[in-house]
Amino acid sequence: MHQGIIEGGVGHVMGVPYVEVYGDRATATGHSVLIRHDPERQDFRVDRLSANRWELSRGEHG
């Protein structure tokens, strides 16, 4: 299924995340958009828009 979506025309675009650092911990918040080609209309459409949040921490080795 994934290969079929790629063959049909798709783009995955991620925005630059907003990062907050708190010593050895941080959070990163951003968004991503999945854009697919619509062969019937011969144009592109937003298929998925997602908000993303990552919680990060520095480990023993970095």
PDB file of N, CA and C in Angstrom:
ATOM      1  N   MET A   1       0.831  -1.194   0.000  1.00  0.00           N
ATOM      2  CA  MET A   1       0.000   0.000   0.000  1.00  0.00           C
ATOM      3  C   MET A   1       0.872   1.253   0.000  1.00  0.00           C
ATOM      4  N   HIS A   2       1.915   1.254   0.825  1.00  0.00           N
ATOM      5  CA  HIS A   2       2.786   2.427   0.916  1.00  0.00           C
ATOM      6  C   HIS A   2       3.437   2.735  -0.430  1.00  0.00           C
ATOM      7  N   GLN A   3       3.936   1.716  -1.114  1.00  0.00           N
ATOM      8  CA  GLN A   3       4.563   1.923  -2.422  1.00  0.00           C
ATOM      9  C   GLN A   3       3.564   2.462  -3.434  1.00  0.00           C
ATOM     10  N   GLY A   4       2.311   2.018  -3.362  1.00  0.00           N
ATOM     11  CA  GLY A   4       1.273   2.527  -4.263  1.00  0.00           C
ATOM     12  C   GLY A   4       1.004   4.001  -4.054  1.00  0.00           C
ATOM     13  N   ILE A   5       1.013   4.432  -2.798  1.00  0.00           N
ATOM     14  CA  ILE A   5       0.825   5.856  -2.498  1.00  0.00           C
ATOM     15  C   ILE A   5       1.989   6.661  -3.066  1.00  0.00           C
ATOM     16  N   ILE A   6       3.203   6.161  -2.900  1.00  0.00           N
ATOM     17  CA  ILE A   6       4.378   6.861  -3.424  1.00  0.00           C
ATOM     18  C   ILE A   6       4.306   6.964  -4.941  1.00  0.00           C
ATOM     19  N   GLU A   7       3.958   5.878  -5.613  1.00  0.00           N
ATOM     20  CA  GLU A   7       3.868   5.888  -7.077  1.00  0.00           C
ATOM     21  C   GLU A   7       2.805   6.855  -7.575  1.00  0.00           C
ATOM     22  N   GLY A   8       1.735   7.046  -6.795  1.00  0.00           N
ATOM     23  CA  GLY A   8       0.667   7.956  -7.196  1.00  0.00           C
ATOM     24  C   GLY A   8       1.012   9.420  -7.022  1.00  0.00           C
ATOM     25  N   GLY A   9       2.049   9.703  -6.262  1.00  0.00           N
ATOM     26  CA  GLY A   9       2.472  11.080  -6.032  1.00  0.00           C
ATOM     27  C   GLY A   9       2.109  11.550  -4.642  1.00  0.00           C
ATOM     28  N   VAL A  10       3.116  11.717  -3.810  1.00  0.00           N
ATOM     29  CA  VAL A  10       2.880  12.121  -2.430  1.00  0.00           C
ATOM     30  C   VAL A  10       4.066  12.956  -1.942  1.00  0.00           C
ATOM     31  N   GLY A  11       3.795  13.872  -1.048  1.00  0.00           N
ATOM     32  CA  GLY A  11       4.855  14.646  -0.416  1.00  0.00           C
ATOM     33  C   GLY A  11       4.585  14.743   1.070  1.00  0.00           C
ATOM     34  N   HIS A  12       5.625  14.552   1.866  1.00  0.00           N
ATOM     35  CA  HIS A  12       5.512  14.657   3.315  1.00  0.00           C
ATOM     36  C   HIS A  12       6.362  15.846   3.746  1.00  0.00           C
ATOM     37  N   VAL A  13       5.718  16.864   4.285  1.00  0.00           N
ATOM     38  CA  VAL A  13       6.402  18.104   4.635  1.00  0.00           C
ATOM     39  C   VAL A  13       6.311  18.304   6.141  1.00  0.00           C
ATOM     40  N   MET A  14       7.472  18.509   6.759  1.00  0.00           N
ATOM     41  CA  MET A  14       7.500  18.780   8.200  1.00  0.00           C
ATOM     42  C   MET A  14       7.931  20.222   8.441  1.00  0.00           C
ATOM     43  N   GLY A  15       7.236  20.886   9.340  1.00  0.00           N
ATOM     44  CA  GLY A  15       7.620  22.233   9.724  1.00  0.00           C
ATOM     45  C   GLY A  15       8.786  22.195  10.694  1.00  0.00           C
ATOM     46  N   VAL A  16       9.438  23.317  10.865  1.00  0.00           N
ATOM     47  CA  VAL A  16      10.539  23.422  11.817  1.00  0.00           C
ATOM     48  C   VAL A  16       9.952  23.382  13.226  1.00  0.00           C
ATOM     49  N   PRO A  17      10.436  22.493  14.090  1.00  0.00           N
ATOM     50  CA  PRO A  17       9.848  22.401  15.434  1.00  0.00           C
ATOM     51  C   PRO A  17      10.263  23.569  16.334  1.00  0.00           C
ATOM     52  N   TYR A  18       9.403  23.867  17.269  1.00  0.00           N
ATOM     53  CA  TYR A  18       9.697  24.830  18.331  1.00  0.00           C
ATOM     54  C   TYR A  18      10.289  24.025  19.480  1.00  0.00           C
ATOM     55  N   VAL A  19      11.498  24.353  19.896  1.00  0.00           N
ATOM     56  CA  VAL A  19      12.215  23.563  20.906  1.00  0.00           C
ATOM     57  C   VAL A  19      12.387  24.390  22.173  1.00  0.00           C
ATOM     58  N   GLU A  20      12.047  23.789  23.309  1.00  0.00           N
ATOM     59  CA  GLU A  20      12.274  24.387  24.618  1.00  0.00           C
ATOM     60  C   GLU A  20      13.231  23.472  25.374  1.00  0.00           C
ATOM     61  N   VAL A  21      14.331  24.041  25.871  1.00  0.00           N
ATOM     62  CA  VAL A  21      15.360  23.262  26.571  1.00  0.00           C
ATOM     63  C   VAL A  21      15.311  23.596  28.055  1.00  0.00           C
ATOM     64  N   TYR A  22      15.328  22.541  28.860  1.00  0.00           N
ATOM     65  CA  TYR A  22      15.313  22.654  30.319  1.00  0.00           C
ATOM     66  C   TYR A  22      16.465  21.806  30.869  1.00  0.00           C
ATOM     67  N   GLY A  23      17.682  22.317  30.839  1.00  0.00           N
ATOM     68  CA  GLY A  23      18.829  21.543  31.307  1.00  0.00           C
ATOM     69  C   GLY A  23      19.069  20.324  30.434  1.00  0.00           C
ATOM     70  N   ASP A  24      18.924  19.129  30.997  1.00  0.00           N
ATOM     71  CA  ASP A  24      19.134  17.892  30.249  1.00  0.00           C
ATOM     72  C   ASP A  24      17.862  17.354  29.608  1.00  0.00           C
ATOM     73  N   ARG A  25      16.803  18.117  29.650  1.00  0.00           N
ATOM     74  CA  ARG A  25      15.529  17.709  29.046  1.00  0.00           C
ATOM     75  C   ARG A  25      15.074  18.788  28.076  1.00  0.00           C
ATOM     76  N   ALA A  26      14.234  18.383  27.117  1.00  0.00           N
ATOM     77  CA  ALA A  26      13.703  19.342  26.145  1.00  0.00           C
ATOM     78  C   ALA A  26      12.393  18.813  25.584  1.00  0.00           C
ATOM     79  N   THR A  27      11.592  19.724  25.043  1.00  0.00           N
ATOM     80  CA  THR A  27      10.413  19.342  24.279  1.00  0.00           C
ATOM     81  C   THR A  27      10.522  19.993  22.901  1.00  0.00           C
ATOM     82  N   ALA A  28      10.039  19.300  21.901  1.00  0.00           N
ATOM     83  CA  ALA A  28      10.005  19.818  20.532  1.00  0.00           C
ATOM     84  C   ALA A  28       8.578  19.657  20.023  1.00  0.00           C
ATOM     85  N   THR A  29       7.990  20.750  19.578  1.00  0.00           N
ATOM     86  CA  THR A  29       6.610  20.743  19.095  1.00  0.00           C
ATOM     87  C   THR A  29       6.593  21.254  17.660  1.00  0.00           C
ATOM     88  N   GLY A  30       5.876  20.554  16.787  1.00  0.00           N
ATOM     89  CA  GLY A  30       5.815  20.967  15.390  1.00  0.00           C
ATOM     90  C   GLY A  30       4.610  20.375  14.688  1.00  0.00           C
ATOM     91  N   HIS A  31       4.647  20.395  13.363  1.00  0.00           N
ATOM     92  CA  HIS A  31       3.548  19.830  12.580  1.00  0.00           C
ATOM     93  C   HIS A  31       4.105  19.177  11.318  1.00  0.00           C
ATOM     94  N   SER A  32       3.304  18.283  10.758  1.00  0.00           N
ATOM     95  CA  SER A  32       3.655  17.662   9.489  1.00  0.00           C
ATOM     96  C   SER A  32       2.398  17.581   8.619  1.00  0.00           C
ATOM     97  N   VAL A  33       2.606  17.617   7.310  1.00  0.00           N
ATOM     98  CA  VAL A  33       1.509  17.584   6.341  1.00  0.00           C
ATOM     99  C   VAL A  33       1.818  16.515   5.297  1.00  0.00           C
ATOM    100  N   LEU A  34       0.841  15.665   5.015  1.00  0.00           N
ATOM    101  CA  LEU A  34       0.954  14.674   3.950  1.00  0.00           C
ATOM    102  C   LEU A  34       0.087  15.149   2.789  1.00  0.00           C
ATOM    103  N   ILE A  35       0.711  15.400   1.639  1.00  0.00           N
ATOM    104  CA  ILE A  35       0.017  15.913   0.459  1.00  0.00           C
ATOM    105  C   ILE A  35       0.020  14.826  -0.608  1.00  0.00           C
ATOM    106  N   ARG A  36      -1.154  14.500  -1.144  1.00  0.00           N
ATOM    107  CA  ARG A  36      -1.269  13.440  -2.152  1.00  0.00           C
ATOM    108  C   ARG A  36      -1.834  13.982  -3.454  1.00  0.00           C
ATOM    109  N   HIS A  37      -1.408  13.380  -4.549  1.00  0.00           N
ATOM    110  CA  HIS A  37      -1.930  13.707  -5.870  1.00  0.00           C
ATOM    111  C   HIS A  37      -3.293  13.046  -6.041  1.00  0.00           C
ATOM    112  N   ASP A  38      -4.267  13.805  -6.524  1.00  0.00           N
ATOM    113  CA  ASP A  38      -5.605  13.282  -6.806  1.00  0.00           C
ATOM    114  C   ASP A  38      -5.732  13.125  -8.314  1.00  0.00           C
ATOM    115  N   PRO A  39      -5.635  11.897  -8.851  1.00  0.00           N
ATOM    116  CA  PRO A  39      -5.639  11.707 -10.303  1.00  0.00           C
ATOM    117  C   PRO A  39      -6.961  12.086 -10.973  1.00  0.00           C
ATOM    118  N   GLU A  40      -8.076  11.992 -10.250  1.00  0.00           N
ATOM    119  CA  GLU A  40      -9.374  12.350 -10.842  1.00  0.00           C
ATOM    120  C   GLU A  40      -9.476  13.850 -11.076  1.00  0.00           C
ATOM    121  N   ARG A  41      -8.991  14.638 -10.125  1.00  0.00           N
ATOM    122  CA  ARG A  41      -9.071  16.097 -10.256  1.00  0.00           C
ATOM    123  C   ARG A  41      -7.807  16.693 -10.846  1.00  0.00           C
ATOM    124  N   GLN A  42      -6.764  15.871 -10.999  1.00  0.00           N
ATOM    125  CA  GLN A  42      -5.470  16.331 -11.522  1.00  0.00           C
ATOM    126  C   GLN A  42      -4.904  17.488 -10.701  1.00  0.00           C
ATOM    127  N   ASP A  43      -4.999  17.347  -9.383  1.00  0.00           N
ATOM    128  CA  ASP A  43      -4.397  18.331  -8.492  1.00  0.00           C
ATOM    129  C   ASP A  43      -3.896  17.619  -7.238  1.00  0.00           C
ATOM    130  N   PHE A  44      -3.542  18.380  -6.250  1.00  0.00           N
ATOM    131  CA  PHE A  44      -3.030  17.821  -4.997  1.00  0.00           C
ATOM    132  C   PHE A  44      -3.953  18.227  -3.863  1.00  0.00           C
ATOM    133  N   ARG A  45      -3.967  17.406  -2.804  1.00  0.00           N
ATOM    134  CA  ARG A  45      -4.818  17.713  -1.648  1.00  0.00           C
ATOM    135  C   ARG A  45      -4.088  17.328  -0.370  1.00  0.00           C
ATOM    136  N   VAL A  46      -4.453  17.999   0.713  1.00  0.00           N
ATOM    137  CA  VAL A  46      -3.903  17.644   2.016  1.00  0.00           C
ATOM    138  C   VAL A  46      -4.622  16.386   2.476  1.00  0.00           C
ATOM    139  N   ASP A  47      -3.867  15.325   2.677  1.00  0.00           N
ATOM    140  CA  ASP A  47      -4.439  14.054   3.100  1.00  0.00           C
ATOM    141  C   ASP A  47      -4.415  13.929   4.621  1.00  0.00           C
ATOM    142  N   ARG A  48      -3.366  14.481   5.247  1.00  0.00           N
ATOM    143  CA  ARG A  48      -3.249  14.396   6.697  1.00  0.00           C
ATOM    144  C   ARG A  48      -2.445  15.584   7.209  1.00  0.00           C
ATOM    145  N   LEU A  49      -2.918  16.168   8.292  1.00  0.00           N
ATOM    146  CA  LEU A  49      -2.202  17.235   8.990  1.00  0.00           C
ATOM    147  C   LEU A  49      -2.068  16.793  10.435  1.00  0.00           C
ATOM    148  N   SER A  50      -0.849  16.740  10.927  1.00  0.00           N
ATOM    149  CA  SER A  50      -0.603  16.216  12.272  1.00  0.00           C
ATOM    150  C   SER A  50       0.182  17.209  13.117  1.00  0.00           C
ATOM    151  N   ALA A  51      -0.170  17.267  14.390  1.00  0.00           N
ATOM    152  CA  ALA A  51       0.634  17.994  15.368  1.00  0.00           C
ATOM    153  C   ALA A  51       1.541  16.976  16.049  1.00  0.00           C
ATOM    154  N   ASN A  52       2.789  17.351  16.274  1.00  0.00           N
ATOM    155  CA  ASN A  52       3.775  16.436  16.840  1.00  0.00           C
ATOM    156  C   ASN A  52       4.432  17.061  18.054  1.00  0.00           C
ATOM    157  N   ARG A  53       4.659  16.249  19.072  1.00  0.00           N
ATOM    158  CA  ARG A  53       5.373  16.713  20.268  1.00  0.00           C
ATOM    159  C   ARG A  53       6.302  15.593  20.721  1.00  0.00           C
ATOM    160  N   TRP A  54       7.564  15.939  20.884  1.00  0.00           N
ATOM    161  CA  TRP A  54       8.569  14.978  21.332  1.00  0.00           C
ATOM    162  C   TRP A  54       9.117  15.458  22.657  1.00  0.00           C
ATOM    163  N   GLU A  55       9.262  14.538  23.594  1.00  0.00           N
ATOM    164  CA  GLU A  55       9.930  14.828  24.867  1.00  0.00           C
ATOM    165  C   GLU A  55      11.287  14.152  24.813  1.00  0.00           C
ATOM    166  N   LEU A  56      12.331  14.945  24.995  1.00  0.00           N
ATOM    167  CA  LEU A  56      13.707  14.485  24.817  1.00  0.00           C
ATOM    168  C   LEU A  56      14.476  14.589  26.117  1.00  0.00           C
ATOM    169  N   SER A  57      15.451  13.711  26.277  1.00  0.00           N
ATOM    170  CA  SER A  57      16.328  13.812  27.443  1.00  0.00           C
ATOM    171  C   SER A  57      17.733  13.382  27.077  1.00  0.00           C
ATOM    172  N   ARG A  58      18.698  14.022  27.697  1.00  0.00           N
ATOM    173  CA  ARG A  58      20.100  13.682  27.469  1.00  0.00           C
ATOM    174  C   ARG A  58      20.429  12.447  28.310  1.00  0.00           C
ATOM    175  N   GLY A  59      21.002  11.451  27.656  1.00  0.00           N
ATOM    176  CA  GLY A  59      21.362  10.227  28.358  1.00  0.00           C
ATOM    177  C   GLY A  59      22.796  10.251  28.844  1.00  0.00           C
ATOM    178  N   GLU A  60      23.237   9.137  29.342  1.00  0.00           N
ATOM    179  CA  GLU A  60      24.585   9.014  29.888  1.00  0.00           C
ATOM    180  C   GLU A  60      25.666   9.316  28.850  1.00  0.00           C
ATOM    181  N   HIS A  61      25.410   9.000  27.582  1.00  0.00           N
ATOM    182  CA  HIS A  61      26.395   9.190  26.517  1.00  0.00           C
ATOM    183  C   HIS A  61      26.042  10.339  25.575  1.00  0.00           C
ATOM    184  N   GLY A  62      25.173  11.218  26.007  1.00  0.00           N
ATOM    185  CA  GLY A  62      24.831  12.375  25.186  1.00  0.00           C
ATOM    186  C   GLY A  62      23.402  12.385  24.734  1.00  0.00           C
TER     187      GLY A  62
END
